[in-house]
Amino acid sequence: MAFDDPLIQQMLAFVEGIGIPVRATELPDTTFLPGLDIRDGALCIDAARLTYPGDILHEAGHIAVADEERRNQPTFKPTKAEEMAAMAWSFAAVRHLGLPPETVFHGDGYQGGSGNLLEAFEQGNGPGVPLLGWLRLTTDPNAPDATGKRCFPNMDRWVR
């Protein structure tokens, strides 16, 4: 199964470049996000079922913020904290790649809250930003020690 779309190729080059394995595979209709799943620490993609390519970055964010033992489980269900961190991580990733943030935060995502999330992330706030700072993946711009540091959405490391 080939990924012919240049946008998907760009995102996958980034994801694989930071050490997250990607597998092209057929997936059932029952995955949380169409055409995507996380299995054994790898991002599994069914190109025929993928509805929103930007969801690749969100799912990669789950792998990136989970500790190694959790991410390598046969099946993976993110915690609420990991969900928030993955949102912030995917915003940083889309910015890093120079893509419009709506690539990830599209109108059908986040239970209709994409606009609010984008506004919060643009201001350096938003769910998950403090957690990314706590994980030492970035510096929370609202942290007491943030002055003079390169802060979110810039990342110091991409994988926990």
N, C-alpha and C. Protein backbone atom coordinates (compact mmCIF):
# COMPACT_ATOMS: atom_id res chain seq x y z
N MET A 1 0.85 -1.17 0.00
CA MET A 1 0.00 0.00 0.00
C MET A 1 0.90 1.23 0.00
N ALA A 2 0.76 2.07 -0.97
CA ALA A 2 1.61 3.25 -1.10
C ALA A 2 0.88 4.49 -0.60
N PHE A 3 1.63 5.41 -0.11
CA PHE A 3 1.10 6.71 0.29
C PHE A 3 1.53 7.71 -0.76
N ASP A 4 0.66 7.96 -1.73
CA ASP A 4 0.99 8.81 -2.87
C ASP A 4 0.77 10.29 -2.60
N ASP A 5 -0.05 10.62 -1.63
CA ASP A 5 -0.37 12.01 -1.34
C ASP A 5 0.86 12.72 -0.75
N PRO A 6 1.29 13.84 -1.35
CA PRO A 6 2.48 14.55 -0.85
C PRO A 6 2.35 15.01 0.60
N LEU A 7 1.14 15.39 1.01
CA LEU A 7 0.93 15.81 2.41
C LEU A 7 1.18 14.64 3.35
N ILE A 8 0.64 13.48 3.01
CA ILE A 8 0.85 12.28 3.83
C ILE A 8 2.34 11.92 3.83
N GLN A 9 2.98 11.99 2.70
CA GLN A 9 4.42 11.68 2.62
C GLN A 9 5.22 12.61 3.52
N GLN A 10 4.88 13.91 3.53
CA GLN A 10 5.59 14.86 4.38
C GLN A 10 5.41 14.53 5.85
N MET A 11 4.19 14.25 6.24
CA MET A 11 3.94 13.94 7.65
C MET A 11 4.62 12.63 8.06
N LEU A 12 4.56 11.62 7.19
CA LEU A 12 5.18 10.34 7.52
C LEU A 12 6.70 10.44 7.58
N ALA A 13 7.29 11.26 6.72
CA ALA A 13 8.75 11.46 6.78
C ALA A 13 9.13 12.06 8.14
N PHE A 14 8.33 13.00 8.62
CA PHE A 14 8.58 13.60 9.93
C PHE A 14 8.41 12.56 11.04
N VAL A 15 7.28 11.86 11.02
CA VAL A 15 6.98 10.88 12.08
C VAL A 15 8.06 9.80 12.13
N GLU A 16 8.41 9.25 11.00
CA GLU A 16 9.44 8.21 10.98
C GLU A 16 10.81 8.80 11.34
N GLY A 17 11.05 10.05 10.94
CA GLY A 17 12.33 10.71 11.22
C GLY A 17 12.58 10.93 12.70
N ILE A 18 11.50 11.02 13.50
CA ILE A 18 11.68 11.19 14.95
C ILE A 18 11.63 9.85 15.67
N GLY A 19 11.56 8.76 14.90
CA GLY A 19 11.67 7.43 15.49
C GLY A 19 10.38 6.70 15.75
N ILE A 20 9.27 7.20 15.24
CA ILE A 20 8.00 6.50 15.42
C ILE A 20 7.78 5.60 14.21
N PRO A 21 7.67 4.29 14.43
CA PRO A 21 7.46 3.39 13.29
C PRO A 21 6.06 3.55 12.70
N VAL A 22 5.99 3.38 11.38
CA VAL A 22 4.72 3.48 10.65
C VAL A 22 4.53 2.19 9.88
N ARG A 23 3.30 1.67 9.91
CA ARG A 23 2.98 0.47 9.14
C ARG A 23 1.76 0.74 8.26
N ALA A 24 1.89 0.43 6.99
CA ALA A 24 0.74 0.46 6.08
C ALA A 24 0.03 -0.88 6.23
N THR A 25 -1.26 -0.84 6.51
CA THR A 25 -2.01 -2.07 6.75
C THR A 25 -3.49 -1.83 6.51
N GLU A 26 -4.22 -2.90 6.38
CA GLU A 26 -5.68 -2.79 6.33
C GLU A 26 -6.20 -2.82 7.75
N LEU A 27 -7.12 -1.91 8.04
CA LEU A 27 -7.70 -1.81 9.38
C LEU A 27 -9.21 -1.98 9.29
N PRO A 28 -9.81 -2.44 10.39
CA PRO A 28 -11.28 -2.58 10.40
C PRO A 28 -11.95 -1.21 10.46
N ASP A 29 -13.24 -1.21 10.23
CA ASP A 29 -14.03 0.03 10.30
C ASP A 29 -14.13 0.58 11.71
N THR A 30 -13.78 -0.20 12.70
CA THR A 30 -14.05 0.14 14.09
C THR A 30 -12.96 0.94 14.80
N THR A 31 -11.97 1.44 14.10
CA THR A 31 -10.93 2.23 14.77
C THR A 31 -11.52 3.58 15.17
N PHE A 32 -10.95 4.18 16.22
CA PHE A 32 -11.47 5.44 16.75
C PHE A 32 -11.43 6.53 15.69
N LEU A 33 -10.30 6.68 15.02
CA LEU A 33 -10.19 7.59 13.89
C LEU A 33 -10.09 6.74 12.63
N PRO A 34 -10.87 7.07 11.61
CA PRO A 34 -10.88 6.24 10.40
C PRO A 34 -9.49 6.08 9.78
N GLY A 35 -9.11 4.82 9.57
CA GLY A 35 -7.86 4.51 8.89
C GLY A 35 -6.61 4.59 9.74
N LEU A 36 -6.76 4.75 11.05
CA LEU A 36 -5.60 4.89 11.94
C LEU A 36 -5.77 4.04 13.19
N ASP A 37 -4.64 3.50 13.66
CA ASP A 37 -4.63 2.77 14.92
C ASP A 37 -3.19 2.75 15.42
N ILE A 38 -3.03 2.45 16.70
CA ILE A 38 -1.71 2.31 17.31
C ILE A 38 -1.61 0.88 17.82
N ARG A 39 -0.59 0.15 17.33
CA ARG A 39 -0.39 -1.24 17.73
C ARG A 39 1.09 -1.51 17.91
N ASP A 40 1.44 -2.09 19.03
CA ASP A 40 2.83 -2.46 19.31
C ASP A 40 3.80 -1.29 19.10
N GLY A 41 3.37 -0.08 19.48
CA GLY A 41 4.23 1.09 19.37
C GLY A 41 4.34 1.69 17.99
N ALA A 42 3.59 1.19 17.04
CA ALA A 42 3.65 1.70 15.66
C ALA A 42 2.34 2.38 15.29
N LEU A 43 2.45 3.37 14.44
CA LEU A 43 1.30 4.03 13.87
C LEU A 43 0.87 3.22 12.65
N CYS A 44 -0.31 2.65 12.72
CA CYS A 44 -0.83 1.81 11.64
C CYS A 44 -1.80 2.63 10.82
N ILE A 45 -1.63 2.61 9.49
CA ILE A 45 -2.43 3.46 8.61
C ILE A 45 -3.02 2.62 7.49
N ASP A 46 -4.30 2.77 7.32
CA ASP A 46 -5.02 2.18 6.19
C ASP A 46 -5.38 3.34 5.27
N ALA A 47 -4.59 3.54 4.22
CA ALA A 47 -4.75 4.69 3.33
C ALA A 47 -6.14 4.73 2.71
N ALA A 48 -6.73 3.58 2.45
CA ALA A 48 -8.05 3.54 1.83
C ALA A 48 -9.14 4.04 2.78
N ARG A 49 -8.92 3.95 4.08
CA ARG A 49 -9.93 4.37 5.06
C ARG A 49 -9.62 5.71 5.71
N LEU A 50 -8.43 6.25 5.47
CA LEU A 50 -8.01 7.50 6.11
C LEU A 50 -8.88 8.66 5.62
N THR A 51 -9.59 9.30 6.54
CA THR A 51 -10.48 10.39 6.18
C THR A 51 -9.78 11.73 6.23
N TYR A 52 -9.03 11.98 7.29
CA TYR A 52 -8.32 13.25 7.48
C TYR A 52 -6.84 12.96 7.68
N PRO A 53 -6.00 13.24 6.68
CA PRO A 53 -4.57 12.95 6.79
C PRO A 53 -3.91 13.58 8.02
N GLY A 54 -4.37 14.76 8.43
CA GLY A 54 -3.78 15.42 9.59
C GLY A 54 -3.92 14.63 10.87
N ASP A 55 -4.89 13.72 10.91
CA ASP A 55 -5.05 12.87 12.09
C ASP A 55 -3.81 12.00 12.33
N ILE A 56 -2.99 11.83 11.30
CA ILE A 56 -1.73 11.10 11.44
C ILE A 56 -0.88 11.75 12.53
N LEU A 57 -0.81 13.08 12.52
CA LEU A 57 0.02 13.77 13.51
C LEU A 57 -0.57 13.64 14.91
N HIS A 58 -1.87 13.69 15.03
CA HIS A 58 -2.47 13.53 16.36
C HIS A 58 -2.17 12.15 16.93
N GLU A 59 -2.36 11.12 16.11
CA GLU A 59 -2.10 9.76 16.59
C GLU A 59 -0.60 9.55 16.88
N ALA A 60 0.26 10.12 16.07
CA ALA A 60 1.70 10.05 16.35
C ALA A 60 2.01 10.73 17.67
N GLY A 61 1.27 11.79 17.98
CA GLY A 61 1.45 12.48 19.26
C GLY A 61 1.16 11.58 20.44
N HIS A 62 0.18 10.70 20.30
CA HIS A 62 -0.09 9.74 21.39
C HIS A 62 1.12 8.86 21.65
N ILE A 63 1.72 8.38 20.60
CA ILE A 63 2.91 7.53 20.75
C ILE A 63 4.05 8.34 21.36
N ALA A 64 4.23 9.55 20.88
CA ALA A 64 5.35 10.39 21.31
C ALA A 64 5.31 10.74 22.79
N VAL A 65 4.11 10.95 23.35
CA VAL A 65 4.03 11.40 24.74
C VAL A 65 3.87 10.26 25.74
N ALA A 66 3.55 9.08 25.27
CA ALA A 66 3.39 7.93 26.18
C ALA A 66 4.77 7.41 26.59
N ASP A 67 4.85 6.87 27.80
CA ASP A 67 6.12 6.26 28.18
C ASP A 67 6.34 4.99 27.35
N GLU A 68 7.57 4.58 27.27
CA GLU A 68 7.94 3.48 26.36
C GLU A 68 7.15 2.20 26.62
N GLU A 69 6.96 1.86 27.87
CA GLU A 69 6.22 0.62 28.18
C GLU A 69 4.78 0.69 27.68
N ARG A 70 4.12 1.83 27.91
CA ARG A 70 2.72 1.97 27.46
C ARG A 70 2.61 2.00 25.94
N ARG A 71 3.50 2.73 25.30
CA ARG A 71 3.38 2.87 23.84
C ARG A 71 3.60 1.55 23.11
N ASN A 72 4.33 0.63 23.72
CA ASN A 72 4.66 -0.64 23.06
C ASN A 72 3.69 -1.76 23.38
N GLN A 73 2.57 -1.45 24.01
CA GLN A 73 1.54 -2.45 24.28
C GLN A 73 0.91 -2.91 22.96
N PRO A 74 0.40 -4.13 22.90
CA PRO A 74 -0.24 -4.61 21.66
C PRO A 74 -1.37 -3.70 21.19
N THR A 75 -2.17 -3.21 22.14
CA THR A 75 -3.19 -2.22 21.82
C THR A 75 -2.97 -1.03 22.74
N PHE A 76 -3.35 0.14 22.28
CA PHE A 76 -3.05 1.37 23.03
C PHE A 76 -4.30 2.22 23.14
N LYS A 77 -4.63 2.60 24.35
CA LYS A 77 -5.71 3.55 24.59
C LYS A 77 -5.12 4.67 25.43
N PRO A 78 -5.10 5.89 24.89
CA PRO A 78 -4.47 6.98 25.63
C PRO A 78 -5.25 7.36 26.89
N THR A 79 -4.50 7.82 27.88
CA THR A 79 -5.12 8.40 29.07
C THR A 79 -5.62 9.79 28.71
N LYS A 80 -6.40 10.39 29.59
CA LYS A 80 -6.87 11.76 29.35
C LYS A 80 -5.70 12.73 29.27
N ALA A 81 -4.70 12.55 30.11
CA ALA A 81 -3.53 13.41 30.08
C ALA A 81 -2.78 13.26 28.75
N GLU A 82 -2.62 12.02 28.30
CA GLU A 82 -1.95 11.78 27.01
C GLU A 82 -2.76 12.38 25.85
N GLU A 83 -4.08 12.34 25.96
CA GLU A 83 -4.93 12.94 24.93
C GLU A 83 -4.67 14.44 24.84
N MET A 84 -4.62 15.10 25.99
CA MET A 84 -4.36 16.55 25.99
C MET A 84 -2.96 16.85 25.46
N ALA A 85 -1.98 16.07 25.90
CA ALA A 85 -0.61 16.29 25.44
C ALA A 85 -0.49 16.05 23.94
N ALA A 86 -1.21 15.05 23.41
CA ALA A 86 -1.17 14.77 21.97
C ALA A 86 -1.76 15.92 21.16
N MET A 87 -2.77 16.59 21.70
CA MET A 87 -3.32 17.76 21.00
C MET A 87 -2.26 18.85 20.89
N ALA A 88 -1.61 19.16 22.00
CA ALA A 88 -0.57 20.19 21.98
C ALA A 88 0.60 19.76 21.10
N TRP A 89 0.98 18.50 21.20
CA TRP A 89 2.09 17.97 20.40
C TRP A 89 1.78 18.09 18.91
N SER A 90 0.55 17.75 18.52
CA SER A 90 0.20 17.80 17.10
C SER A 90 0.15 19.24 16.59
N PHE A 91 -0.21 20.19 17.46
CA PHE A 91 -0.15 21.60 17.06
C PHE A 91 1.31 22.00 16.82
N ALA A 92 2.19 21.61 17.73
CA ALA A 92 3.62 21.92 17.54
C ALA A 92 4.16 21.27 16.27
N ALA A 93 3.73 20.04 16.00
CA ALA A 93 4.21 19.33 14.80
C ALA A 93 3.73 20.01 13.53
N VAL A 94 2.46 20.41 13.49
CA VAL A 94 1.94 21.05 12.28
C VAL A 94 2.65 22.38 12.05
N ARG A 95 2.94 23.11 13.11
CA ARG A 95 3.71 24.36 12.99
C ARG A 95 5.13 24.08 12.50
N HIS A 96 5.77 23.06 13.08
CA HIS A 96 7.13 22.68 12.68
C HIS A 96 7.19 22.35 11.19
N LEU A 97 6.17 21.70 10.69
CA LEU A 97 6.13 21.29 9.28
C LEU A 97 5.68 22.41 8.36
N GLY A 98 5.27 23.55 8.92
CA GLY A 98 4.83 24.66 8.10
C GLY A 98 3.48 24.44 7.43
N LEU A 99 2.66 23.60 8.04
CA LEU A 99 1.34 23.30 7.48
C LEU A 99 0.28 24.15 8.18
N PRO A 100 -0.83 24.39 7.51
CA PRO A 100 -1.91 25.11 8.19
C PRO A 100 -2.40 24.28 9.38
N PRO A 101 -2.67 24.92 10.52
CA PRO A 101 -3.10 24.17 11.69
C PRO A 101 -4.41 23.41 11.45
N GLU A 102 -5.21 23.86 10.49
CA GLU A 102 -6.45 23.16 10.18
C GLU A 102 -6.21 21.79 9.57
N THR A 103 -4.97 21.51 9.21
CA THR A 103 -4.61 20.17 8.74
C THR A 103 -4.93 19.14 9.81
N VAL A 104 -4.65 19.49 11.06
CA VAL A 104 -4.94 18.62 12.19
C VAL A 104 -6.26 19.02 12.85
N PHE A 105 -6.44 20.30 13.05
CA PHE A 105 -7.60 20.81 13.77
C PHE A 105 -8.70 21.20 12.79
N HIS A 106 -9.20 20.20 12.07
CA HIS A 106 -10.23 20.40 11.06
C HIS A 106 -11.60 20.51 11.72
N GLY A 107 -12.56 20.97 10.97
CA GLY A 107 -13.90 21.22 11.49
C GLY A 107 -14.63 20.02 12.05
N ASP A 108 -14.27 18.82 11.61
CA ASP A 108 -14.95 17.62 12.10
C ASP A 108 -14.25 16.99 13.30
N GLY A 109 -13.19 17.59 13.76
CA GLY A 109 -12.44 17.01 14.86
C GLY A 109 -12.71 17.68 16.19
N TYR A 110 -12.30 17.02 17.24
CA TYR A 110 -12.31 17.56 18.59
C TYR A 110 -13.71 18.01 19.03
N GLN A 111 -14.71 17.24 18.62
CA GLN A 111 -16.11 17.47 19.03
C GLN A 111 -16.54 18.91 18.78
N GLY A 112 -16.11 19.46 17.64
CA GLY A 112 -16.49 20.81 17.27
C GLY A 112 -15.68 21.90 17.95
N GLY A 113 -14.66 21.53 18.71
CA GLY A 113 -13.88 22.52 19.46
C GLY A 113 -12.56 22.90 18.83
N SER A 114 -12.35 22.59 17.56
CA SER A 114 -11.06 22.88 16.92
C SER A 114 -10.70 24.35 16.96
N GLY A 115 -11.67 25.22 16.70
CA GLY A 115 -11.39 26.66 16.71
C GLY A 115 -10.91 27.15 18.05
N ASN A 116 -11.56 26.70 19.11
CA ASN A 116 -11.15 27.10 20.46
C ASN A 116 -9.75 26.58 20.80
N LEU A 117 -9.48 25.34 20.40
CA LEU A 117 -8.15 24.79 20.65
C LEU A 117 -7.09 25.57 19.91
N LEU A 118 -7.34 25.89 18.65
CA LEU A 118 -6.36 26.65 17.87
C LEU A 118 -6.09 28.00 18.51
N GLU A 119 -7.13 28.66 18.93
CA GLU A 119 -6.95 29.97 19.57
C GLU A 119 -6.08 29.84 20.82
N ALA A 120 -6.35 28.83 21.63
CA ALA A 120 -5.56 28.63 22.85
C ALA A 120 -4.11 28.29 22.53
N PHE A 121 -3.89 27.39 21.57
CA PHE A 121 -2.52 27.02 21.23
C PHE A 121 -1.75 28.18 20.61
N GLU A 122 -2.41 29.00 19.81
CA GLU A 122 -1.75 30.17 19.22
C GLU A 122 -1.26 31.13 20.29
N GLN A 123 -1.93 31.16 21.44
CA GLN A 123 -1.55 32.03 22.55
C GLN A 123 -0.57 31.35 23.51
N GLY A 124 -0.14 30.13 23.16
CA GLY A 124 0.80 29.41 24.02
C GLY A 124 0.13 28.69 25.16
N ASN A 125 -1.19 28.65 25.13
CA ASN A 125 -1.95 27.96 26.17
C ASN A 125 -2.52 26.69 25.57
N GLY A 126 -3.57 26.23 26.17
CA GLY A 126 -4.25 25.08 25.62
C GLY A 126 -3.95 23.82 26.39
N PRO A 127 -4.86 22.85 26.27
CA PRO A 127 -4.66 21.61 26.99
C PRO A 127 -3.40 20.90 26.55
N GLY A 128 -2.67 20.42 27.50
CA GLY A 128 -1.49 19.62 27.20
C GLY A 128 -0.18 20.38 27.18
N VAL A 129 -0.22 21.69 27.04
CA VAL A 129 1.04 22.45 26.98
C VAL A 129 1.83 22.29 28.28
N PRO A 130 1.21 22.46 29.46
CA PRO A 130 1.98 22.25 30.70
C PRO A 130 2.55 20.83 30.81
N LEU A 131 1.79 19.85 30.33
CA LEU A 131 2.27 18.46 30.39
C LEU A 131 3.49 18.27 29.48
N LEU A 132 3.47 18.86 28.29
CA LEU A 132 4.65 18.77 27.42
C LEU A 132 5.86 19.40 28.11
N GLY A 133 5.63 20.47 28.85
CA GLY A 133 6.72 21.08 29.61
C GLY A 133 7.20 20.17 30.73
N TRP A 134 6.27 19.55 31.44
CA TRP A 134 6.62 18.63 32.52
C TRP A 134 7.40 17.44 31.99
N LEU A 135 7.06 16.98 30.78
CA LEU A 135 7.78 15.87 30.15
C LEU A 135 9.12 16.29 29.56
N ARG A 136 9.42 17.58 29.65
CA ARG A 136 10.66 18.17 29.12
C ARG A 136 10.79 18.00 27.60
N LEU A 137 9.63 18.02 26.93
CA LEU A 137 9.64 18.01 25.47
C LEU A 137 9.71 19.43 24.93
N THR A 138 9.25 20.39 25.74
CA THR A 138 9.26 21.81 25.39
C THR A 138 9.25 22.60 26.69
N THR A 139 9.23 23.92 26.57
CA THR A 139 9.05 24.78 27.73
C THR A 139 7.67 25.41 27.64
N ASP A 140 6.91 25.28 28.71
CA ASP A 140 5.61 25.92 28.79
C ASP A 140 5.84 27.43 28.87
N PRO A 141 5.32 28.21 27.92
CA PRO A 141 5.57 29.66 27.95
C PRO A 141 5.02 30.34 29.19
N ASN A 142 4.11 29.70 29.91
CA ASN A 142 3.54 30.28 31.11
C ASN A 142 4.22 29.81 32.39
N ALA A 143 5.25 28.99 32.26
CA ALA A 143 5.98 28.50 33.43
C ALA A 143 6.84 29.62 34.01
N PRO A 144 7.07 29.60 35.32
CA PRO A 144 7.86 30.66 35.95
C PRO A 144 9.28 30.79 35.38
N ASP A 145 9.85 29.68 34.89
CA ASP A 145 11.22 29.72 34.38
C ASP A 145 11.30 29.87 32.86
N ALA A 146 10.22 30.30 32.21
CA ALA A 146 10.16 30.34 30.75
C ALA A 146 10.90 31.54 30.14
N THR A 147 11.14 32.57 30.89
CA THR A 147 11.75 33.78 30.35
C THR A 147 13.09 33.47 29.70
N GLY A 148 13.21 33.91 28.46
CA GLY A 148 14.46 33.74 27.72
C GLY A 148 14.64 32.38 27.09
N LYS A 149 13.68 31.49 27.25
CA LYS A 149 13.79 30.15 26.68
C LYS A 149 12.95 30.04 25.42
N ARG A 150 13.34 29.12 24.57
CA ARG A 150 12.55 28.78 23.39
C ARG A 150 11.36 27.95 23.87
N CYS A 151 10.16 28.45 23.66
CA CYS A 151 8.96 27.86 24.25
C CYS A 151 8.03 27.25 23.21
N PHE A 152 7.04 26.51 23.70
CA PHE A 152 5.97 25.96 22.89
C PHE A 152 5.43 27.06 21.97
N PRO A 153 5.23 26.75 20.69
CA PRO A 153 5.16 25.45 20.05
C PRO A 153 6.50 24.89 19.56
N ASN A 154 7.59 25.54 19.90
CA ASN A 154 8.90 24.95 19.58
C ASN A 154 9.16 23.79 20.54
N MET A 155 9.71 22.74 20.00
CA MET A 155 9.96 21.56 20.81
C MET A 155 11.46 21.34 20.96
N ASP A 156 11.86 20.89 22.14
CA ASP A 156 13.25 20.52 22.39
C ASP A 156 13.51 19.07 22.00
N ARG A 157 12.50 18.24 22.22
CA ARG A 157 12.53 16.82 21.82
C ARG A 157 11.12 16.49 21.35
N TRP A 158 11.01 15.49 20.50
CA TRP A 158 9.70 15.11 19.99
C TRP A 158 9.14 13.84 20.63
N VAL A 159 9.98 13.01 21.20
CA VAL A 159 9.52 11.74 21.76
C VAL A 159 9.98 11.62 23.20
N ARG A 160 9.07 11.21 24.06
CA ARG A 160 9.37 11.02 25.48
C ARG A 160 10.33 9.86 25.65
